[in-house]
Amino acid sequence: MVGIKHSGKSQRGISLVGLIFTLAILGFLGVLAMKIVPTYTEYRAIQNAIIKAKSAGSTVREIQASFDANADVGYITSINSKDLIISKENNEMEVSFAYEKKIPLFGPASLLLEYAGTTAKGGVPAKADQ
């Protein structure tokens, strides 16, 4: 039998420890995505609801009632119509919102997401009078 010659090149690939580490990182990112995506989906629903509410009403109460109706249909639970900032700018009603969503990760660690939106043309949400 002819002897097997090794060319001196080492094998390429991932070690078992490397595979476990990579899978752990991918698992963590997957869990994180599963927690973040629903909050972003709700944020987009709120954006759509304030646009519909602005077009459906000309008074603060009409805008709030329209938002509440859209919130029921869109499963919006993070804010309600009382949390909206409704102001009149350039003879037009503008609707804004801002809220935070805290996502617990593990132990004392959590992720804080800050969402804000407006119907204003400049894209800058109105500030609440405090």
N, C-alpha and C. Protein backbone atom coordinates (compact mmCIF):
# COMPACT_ATOMS: atom_id res chain seq x y z
N MET A 1 0.82 -1.17 0.00
CA MET A 1 0.00 0.00 0.00
C MET A 1 0.86 1.23 0.00
N VAL A 2 0.37 2.20 -0.66
CA VAL A 2 1.10 3.46 -0.75
C VAL A 2 0.76 4.30 0.48
N GLY A 3 1.75 4.90 1.06
CA GLY A 3 1.53 5.75 2.23
C GLY A 3 0.79 7.04 1.85
N ILE A 4 0.02 7.55 2.78
CA ILE A 4 -0.73 8.78 2.54
C ILE A 4 0.17 9.95 2.89
N LYS A 5 0.28 10.87 1.94
CA LYS A 5 1.10 12.05 2.17
C LYS A 5 0.20 13.21 2.62
N HIS A 6 0.64 13.90 3.62
CA HIS A 6 -0.06 15.11 4.06
C HIS A 6 0.68 16.30 3.49
N SER A 7 -0.08 17.22 2.93
CA SER A 7 0.56 18.36 2.28
C SER A 7 0.94 19.45 3.26
N GLY A 8 0.65 19.28 4.51
CA GLY A 8 1.03 20.29 5.49
C GLY A 8 -0.08 21.31 5.73
N LYS A 9 -1.13 21.27 4.95
CA LYS A 9 -2.23 22.21 5.16
C LYS A 9 -3.10 21.68 6.29
N SER A 10 -3.54 22.60 7.15
CA SER A 10 -4.42 22.18 8.24
C SER A 10 -5.87 22.13 7.76
N GLN A 11 -6.65 21.39 8.47
CA GLN A 11 -8.05 21.30 8.12
C GLN A 11 -8.74 22.63 8.42
N ARG A 12 -9.75 22.91 7.61
CA ARG A 12 -10.50 24.14 7.82
C ARG A 12 -11.90 23.77 8.27
N GLY A 13 -12.47 24.63 9.06
CA GLY A 13 -13.82 24.39 9.54
C GLY A 13 -13.99 25.01 10.92
N ILE A 14 -15.11 24.72 11.52
CA ILE A 14 -15.41 25.29 12.82
C ILE A 14 -15.31 24.18 13.87
N SER A 15 -14.74 24.52 15.00
CA SER A 15 -14.61 23.53 16.07
C SER A 15 -15.95 23.40 16.80
N LEU A 16 -16.06 22.41 17.63
CA LEU A 16 -17.28 22.18 18.39
C LEU A 16 -17.57 23.37 19.32
N VAL A 17 -16.53 23.86 19.96
CA VAL A 17 -16.71 25.02 20.84
C VAL A 17 -17.14 26.24 20.03
N GLY A 18 -16.54 26.43 18.89
CA GLY A 18 -16.93 27.54 18.02
C GLY A 18 -18.37 27.42 17.55
N LEU A 19 -18.78 26.20 17.23
CA LEU A 19 -20.16 25.95 16.79
C LEU A 19 -21.14 26.26 17.92
N ILE A 20 -20.84 25.81 19.12
CA ILE A 20 -21.71 26.07 20.27
C ILE A 20 -21.80 27.57 20.54
N PHE A 21 -20.68 28.26 20.49
CA PHE A 21 -20.66 29.71 20.71
C PHE A 21 -21.49 30.42 19.65
N THR A 22 -21.32 30.04 18.39
CA THR A 22 -22.07 30.66 17.29
C THR A 22 -23.56 30.41 17.44
N LEU A 23 -23.95 29.20 17.80
CA LEU A 23 -25.37 28.89 18.00
C LEU A 23 -25.95 29.66 19.18
N ALA A 24 -25.16 29.85 20.23
CA ALA A 24 -25.62 30.62 21.39
C ALA A 24 -25.88 32.07 20.99
N ILE A 25 -24.97 32.66 20.23
CA ILE A 25 -25.14 34.05 19.76
C ILE A 25 -26.37 34.16 18.87
N LEU A 26 -26.52 33.23 17.92
CA LEU A 26 -27.68 33.25 17.03
C LEU A 26 -28.98 33.05 17.80
N GLY A 27 -28.96 32.19 18.81
CA GLY A 27 -30.14 31.98 19.65
C GLY A 27 -30.53 33.24 20.41
N PHE A 28 -29.53 33.91 20.98
CA PHE A 28 -29.78 35.16 21.71
C PHE A 28 -30.36 36.21 20.78
N LEU A 29 -29.78 36.36 19.59
CA LEU A 29 -30.29 37.34 18.62
C LEU A 29 -31.70 36.99 18.17
N GLY A 30 -32.00 35.70 18.04
CA GLY A 30 -33.35 35.27 17.67
C GLY A 30 -34.37 35.61 18.74
N VAL A 31 -34.03 35.36 19.99
CA VAL A 31 -34.94 35.69 21.10
C VAL A 31 -35.13 37.20 21.18
N LEU A 32 -34.06 37.95 21.01
CA LEU A 32 -34.14 39.41 21.04
C LEU A 32 -35.05 39.92 19.92
N ALA A 33 -34.91 39.37 18.74
CA ALA A 33 -35.76 39.77 17.61
C ALA A 33 -37.22 39.43 17.89
N MET A 34 -37.47 38.27 18.50
CA MET A 34 -38.86 37.88 18.80
C MET A 34 -39.50 38.82 19.83
N LYS A 35 -38.69 39.48 20.64
CA LYS A 35 -39.23 40.42 21.62
C LYS A 35 -39.37 41.83 21.04
N ILE A 36 -38.51 42.20 20.09
CA ILE A 36 -38.53 43.55 19.54
C ILE A 36 -39.54 43.71 18.42
N VAL A 37 -39.67 42.73 17.55
CA VAL A 37 -40.54 42.84 16.38
C VAL A 37 -41.99 43.18 16.76
N PRO A 38 -42.61 42.57 17.78
CA PRO A 38 -43.99 42.97 18.12
C PRO A 38 -44.11 44.43 18.56
N THR A 39 -43.10 44.96 19.26
CA THR A 39 -43.17 46.36 19.68
C THR A 39 -43.06 47.28 18.48
N TYR A 40 -42.22 46.92 17.51
CA TYR A 40 -42.10 47.74 16.30
C TYR A 40 -43.38 47.66 15.47
N THR A 41 -43.99 46.48 15.41
CA THR A 41 -45.25 46.32 14.68
C THR A 41 -46.33 47.20 15.31
N GLU A 42 -46.38 47.23 16.64
CA GLU A 42 -47.35 48.09 17.31
C GLU A 42 -47.06 49.57 17.04
N TYR A 43 -45.79 49.95 17.02
CA TYR A 43 -45.40 51.33 16.70
C TYR A 43 -45.91 51.72 15.32
N ARG A 44 -45.74 50.83 14.34
CA ARG A 44 -46.22 51.12 12.97
C ARG A 44 -47.75 51.23 12.96
N ALA A 45 -48.44 50.41 13.76
CA ALA A 45 -49.90 50.49 13.85
C ALA A 45 -50.32 51.84 14.44
N ILE A 46 -49.57 52.32 15.44
CA ILE A 46 -49.88 53.62 16.03
C ILE A 46 -49.66 54.73 15.00
N GLN A 47 -48.57 54.63 14.24
CA GLN A 47 -48.32 55.63 13.18
C GLN A 47 -49.50 55.69 12.22
N ASN A 48 -49.96 54.54 11.76
CA ASN A 48 -51.09 54.49 10.83
C ASN A 48 -52.36 55.01 11.48
N ALA A 49 -52.56 54.70 12.76
CA ALA A 49 -53.77 55.13 13.46
C ALA A 49 -53.82 56.65 13.62
N ILE A 50 -52.69 57.30 13.88
CA ILE A 50 -52.74 58.76 14.03
C ILE A 50 -52.96 59.44 12.68
N ILE A 51 -52.46 58.84 11.61
CA ILE A 51 -52.71 59.40 10.28
C ILE A 51 -54.20 59.30 9.95
N LYS A 52 -54.81 58.15 10.22
CA LYS A 52 -56.25 57.97 9.98
C LYS A 52 -57.06 58.89 10.89
N ALA A 53 -56.65 59.02 12.15
CA ALA A 53 -57.38 59.86 13.09
C ALA A 53 -57.33 61.32 12.68
N LYS A 54 -56.19 61.77 12.20
CA LYS A 54 -56.06 63.16 11.76
C LYS A 54 -57.00 63.44 10.60
N SER A 55 -57.07 62.52 9.66
CA SER A 55 -57.92 62.73 8.49
C SER A 55 -59.40 62.55 8.82
N ALA A 56 -59.73 61.83 9.89
CA ALA A 56 -61.13 61.55 10.23
C ALA A 56 -61.77 62.62 11.10
N GLY A 57 -60.96 63.47 11.72
CA GLY A 57 -61.54 64.44 12.65
C GLY A 57 -60.96 65.82 12.50
N SER A 58 -61.75 66.81 12.92
CA SER A 58 -61.27 68.19 12.86
C SER A 58 -61.19 68.81 14.25
N THR A 59 -61.65 68.07 15.27
CA THR A 59 -61.53 68.54 16.65
C THR A 59 -60.72 67.52 17.44
N VAL A 60 -60.28 67.95 18.60
CA VAL A 60 -59.48 67.06 19.46
C VAL A 60 -60.29 65.82 19.81
N ARG A 61 -61.54 65.99 20.20
CA ARG A 61 -62.37 64.84 20.60
C ARG A 61 -62.61 63.88 19.44
N GLU A 62 -62.85 64.40 18.23
CA GLU A 62 -63.05 63.53 17.07
C GLU A 62 -61.79 62.74 16.74
N ILE A 63 -60.64 63.39 16.85
CA ILE A 63 -59.36 62.71 16.59
C ILE A 63 -59.13 61.62 17.63
N GLN A 64 -59.41 61.92 18.90
CA GLN A 64 -59.25 60.92 19.95
C GLN A 64 -60.19 59.74 19.75
N ALA A 65 -61.44 60.01 19.39
CA ALA A 65 -62.40 58.93 19.17
C ALA A 65 -61.98 58.05 18.00
N SER A 66 -61.50 58.67 16.93
CA SER A 66 -61.03 57.91 15.77
C SER A 66 -59.81 57.06 16.13
N PHE A 67 -58.90 57.63 16.92
CA PHE A 67 -57.72 56.86 17.34
C PHE A 67 -58.13 55.66 18.19
N ASP A 68 -59.07 55.89 19.13
CA ASP A 68 -59.53 54.78 19.97
C ASP A 68 -60.13 53.66 19.14
N ALA A 69 -60.90 54.01 18.12
CA ALA A 69 -61.49 52.99 17.25
C ALA A 69 -60.41 52.22 16.51
N ASN A 70 -59.41 52.92 15.99
CA ASN A 70 -58.30 52.27 15.30
C ASN A 70 -57.44 51.45 16.26
N ALA A 71 -57.32 51.90 17.50
CA ALA A 71 -56.52 51.17 18.49
C ALA A 71 -57.17 49.84 18.83
N ASP A 72 -58.50 49.82 18.89
CA ASP A 72 -59.20 48.56 19.17
C ASP A 72 -58.98 47.56 18.04
N VAL A 73 -59.06 48.04 16.82
CA VAL A 73 -58.90 47.15 15.65
C VAL A 73 -57.45 46.71 15.50
N GLY A 74 -56.50 47.62 15.77
CA GLY A 74 -55.08 47.34 15.54
C GLY A 74 -54.36 46.74 16.74
N TYR A 75 -55.09 46.38 17.80
CA TYR A 75 -54.48 45.79 18.99
C TYR A 75 -53.40 46.68 19.60
N ILE A 76 -53.68 47.96 19.66
CA ILE A 76 -52.73 48.92 20.25
C ILE A 76 -53.00 49.01 21.74
N THR A 77 -51.99 48.67 22.55
CA THR A 77 -52.16 48.68 24.00
C THR A 77 -51.16 49.60 24.70
N SER A 78 -50.13 50.05 24.01
CA SER A 78 -49.08 50.84 24.67
C SER A 78 -49.52 52.26 24.99
N ILE A 79 -50.38 52.84 24.16
CA ILE A 79 -50.88 54.18 24.41
C ILE A 79 -52.38 54.20 24.11
N ASN A 80 -53.04 55.26 24.59
CA ASN A 80 -54.44 55.47 24.24
C ASN A 80 -54.62 56.91 23.77
N SER A 81 -55.83 57.30 23.48
CA SER A 81 -56.07 58.62 22.91
C SER A 81 -55.68 59.75 23.86
N LYS A 82 -55.72 59.50 25.15
CA LYS A 82 -55.34 60.54 26.12
C LYS A 82 -53.83 60.82 26.09
N ASP A 83 -53.05 59.88 25.57
CA ASP A 83 -51.60 60.04 25.49
C ASP A 83 -51.16 60.82 24.25
N LEU A 84 -52.08 61.06 23.33
CA LEU A 84 -51.74 61.78 22.11
C LEU A 84 -51.54 63.26 22.40
N ILE A 85 -50.62 63.87 21.66
CA ILE A 85 -50.41 65.31 21.73
C ILE A 85 -51.03 65.88 20.46
N ILE A 86 -52.13 66.59 20.64
CA ILE A 86 -52.86 67.14 19.50
C ILE A 86 -52.74 68.65 19.56
N SER A 87 -52.18 69.22 18.51
CA SER A 87 -51.96 70.67 18.47
C SER A 87 -52.35 71.22 17.10
N LYS A 88 -52.56 72.51 17.07
CA LYS A 88 -52.91 73.16 15.81
C LYS A 88 -51.68 73.94 15.33
N GLU A 89 -51.20 73.58 14.16
CA GLU A 89 -50.04 74.24 13.56
C GLU A 89 -50.39 74.64 12.14
N ASN A 90 -50.19 75.90 11.82
CA ASN A 90 -50.50 76.43 10.48
C ASN A 90 -51.94 76.10 10.07
N ASN A 91 -52.88 76.34 11.00
CA ASN A 91 -54.31 76.08 10.76
C ASN A 91 -54.62 74.63 10.43
N GLU A 92 -53.79 73.73 10.86
CA GLU A 92 -54.01 72.30 10.63
C GLU A 92 -53.73 71.54 11.91
N MET A 93 -54.59 70.57 12.21
CA MET A 93 -54.39 69.75 13.40
C MET A 93 -53.25 68.77 13.15
N GLU A 94 -52.34 68.67 14.11
CA GLU A 94 -51.23 67.72 14.04
C GLU A 94 -51.30 66.81 15.26
N VAL A 95 -51.03 65.55 15.04
CA VAL A 95 -51.09 64.54 16.10
C VAL A 95 -49.70 63.94 16.30
N SER A 96 -49.26 63.91 17.55
CA SER A 96 -47.95 63.34 17.88
C SER A 96 -48.10 62.38 19.05
N PHE A 97 -47.11 61.53 19.22
CA PHE A 97 -47.06 60.62 20.36
C PHE A 97 -45.62 60.29 20.68
N ALA A 98 -45.40 59.87 21.90
CA ALA A 98 -44.08 59.39 22.33
C ALA A 98 -44.31 58.45 23.51
N TYR A 99 -43.62 57.33 23.50
CA TYR A 99 -43.73 56.39 24.61
C TYR A 99 -42.49 55.51 24.65
N GLU A 100 -42.31 54.86 25.78
CA GLU A 100 -41.17 53.95 25.96
C GLU A 100 -41.70 52.53 26.16
N LYS A 101 -40.94 51.58 25.69
CA LYS A 101 -41.28 50.17 25.86
C LYS A 101 -40.06 49.49 26.48
N LYS A 102 -40.25 48.91 27.67
CA LYS A 102 -39.16 48.24 28.37
C LYS A 102 -39.32 46.74 28.17
N ILE A 103 -38.28 46.10 27.66
CA ILE A 103 -38.30 44.67 27.39
C ILE A 103 -37.31 43.98 28.32
N PRO A 104 -37.81 43.16 29.26
CA PRO A 104 -36.89 42.44 30.15
C PRO A 104 -36.12 41.38 29.36
N LEU A 105 -34.82 41.30 29.58
CA LEU A 105 -33.99 40.32 28.89
C LEU A 105 -33.68 39.14 29.81
N PHE A 106 -32.84 39.37 30.81
CA PHE A 106 -32.50 38.33 31.78
C PHE A 106 -31.96 39.03 33.02
N GLY A 107 -32.29 38.49 34.18
CA GLY A 107 -31.81 39.08 35.43
C GLY A 107 -32.19 40.55 35.50
N PRO A 108 -31.22 41.40 35.86
CA PRO A 108 -31.51 42.83 35.96
C PRO A 108 -31.41 43.56 34.61
N ALA A 109 -31.05 42.87 33.56
CA ALA A 109 -30.85 43.51 32.26
C ALA A 109 -32.17 43.64 31.51
N SER A 110 -32.38 44.80 30.93
CA SER A 110 -33.56 45.01 30.09
C SER A 110 -33.19 45.97 28.97
N LEU A 111 -34.05 46.02 27.97
CA LEU A 111 -33.84 46.86 26.80
C LEU A 111 -34.94 47.91 26.78
N LEU A 112 -34.58 49.20 26.67
CA LEU A 112 -35.54 50.28 26.64
C LEU A 112 -35.61 50.84 25.22
N LEU A 113 -36.80 50.77 24.62
CA LEU A 113 -37.01 51.32 23.29
C LEU A 113 -37.87 52.57 23.41
N GLU A 114 -37.45 53.65 22.76
CA GLU A 114 -38.19 54.90 22.79
C GLU A 114 -38.80 55.14 21.42
N TYR A 115 -40.13 55.17 21.37
CA TYR A 115 -40.84 55.38 20.12
C TYR A 115 -41.49 56.75 20.13
N ALA A 116 -41.49 57.42 18.99
CA ALA A 116 -42.15 58.72 18.83
C ALA A 116 -42.57 58.87 17.38
N GLY A 117 -43.63 59.61 17.17
CA GLY A 117 -44.11 59.83 15.81
C GLY A 117 -45.02 61.04 15.74
N THR A 118 -45.26 61.51 14.54
CA THR A 118 -46.09 62.69 14.34
C THR A 118 -46.67 62.70 12.93
N THR A 119 -47.70 63.50 12.75
CA THR A 119 -48.26 63.73 11.41
C THR A 119 -47.72 65.03 10.84
N ALA A 120 -46.92 65.77 11.60
CA ALA A 120 -46.38 67.06 11.13
C ALA A 120 -45.46 66.85 9.92
N LYS A 121 -45.49 67.81 9.03
CA LYS A 121 -44.70 67.71 7.79
C LYS A 121 -43.21 67.65 8.08
N GLY A 122 -42.73 68.38 9.07
CA GLY A 122 -41.31 68.39 9.39
C GLY A 122 -40.86 67.13 10.08
N GLY A 123 -41.80 66.33 10.56
CA GLY A 123 -41.45 65.08 11.22
C GLY A 123 -40.99 65.21 12.65
N VAL A 124 -41.10 66.43 13.22
CA VAL A 124 -40.70 66.63 14.59
C VAL A 124 -41.93 66.58 15.49
N PRO A 125 -42.00 65.61 16.40
CA PRO A 125 -43.17 65.50 17.27
C PRO A 125 -43.32 66.73 18.16
N ALA A 126 -44.56 67.13 18.39
CA ALA A 126 -44.83 68.25 19.28
C ALA A 126 -44.50 67.84 20.71
N LYS A 127 -44.10 68.80 21.52
CA LYS A 127 -43.80 68.52 22.92
C LYS A 127 -45.05 68.71 23.76
N ALA A 128 -45.22 67.86 24.74
CA ALA A 128 -46.34 67.99 25.65
C ALA A 128 -46.06 69.16 26.59
N ASP A 129 -47.08 69.95 26.86
CA ASP A 129 -46.93 71.06 27.80
C ASP A 129 -46.88 70.49 29.22
N GLN A 130 -45.80 70.81 29.92
CA GLN A 130 -45.66 70.27 31.27
C GLN A 130 -45.46 71.39 32.25
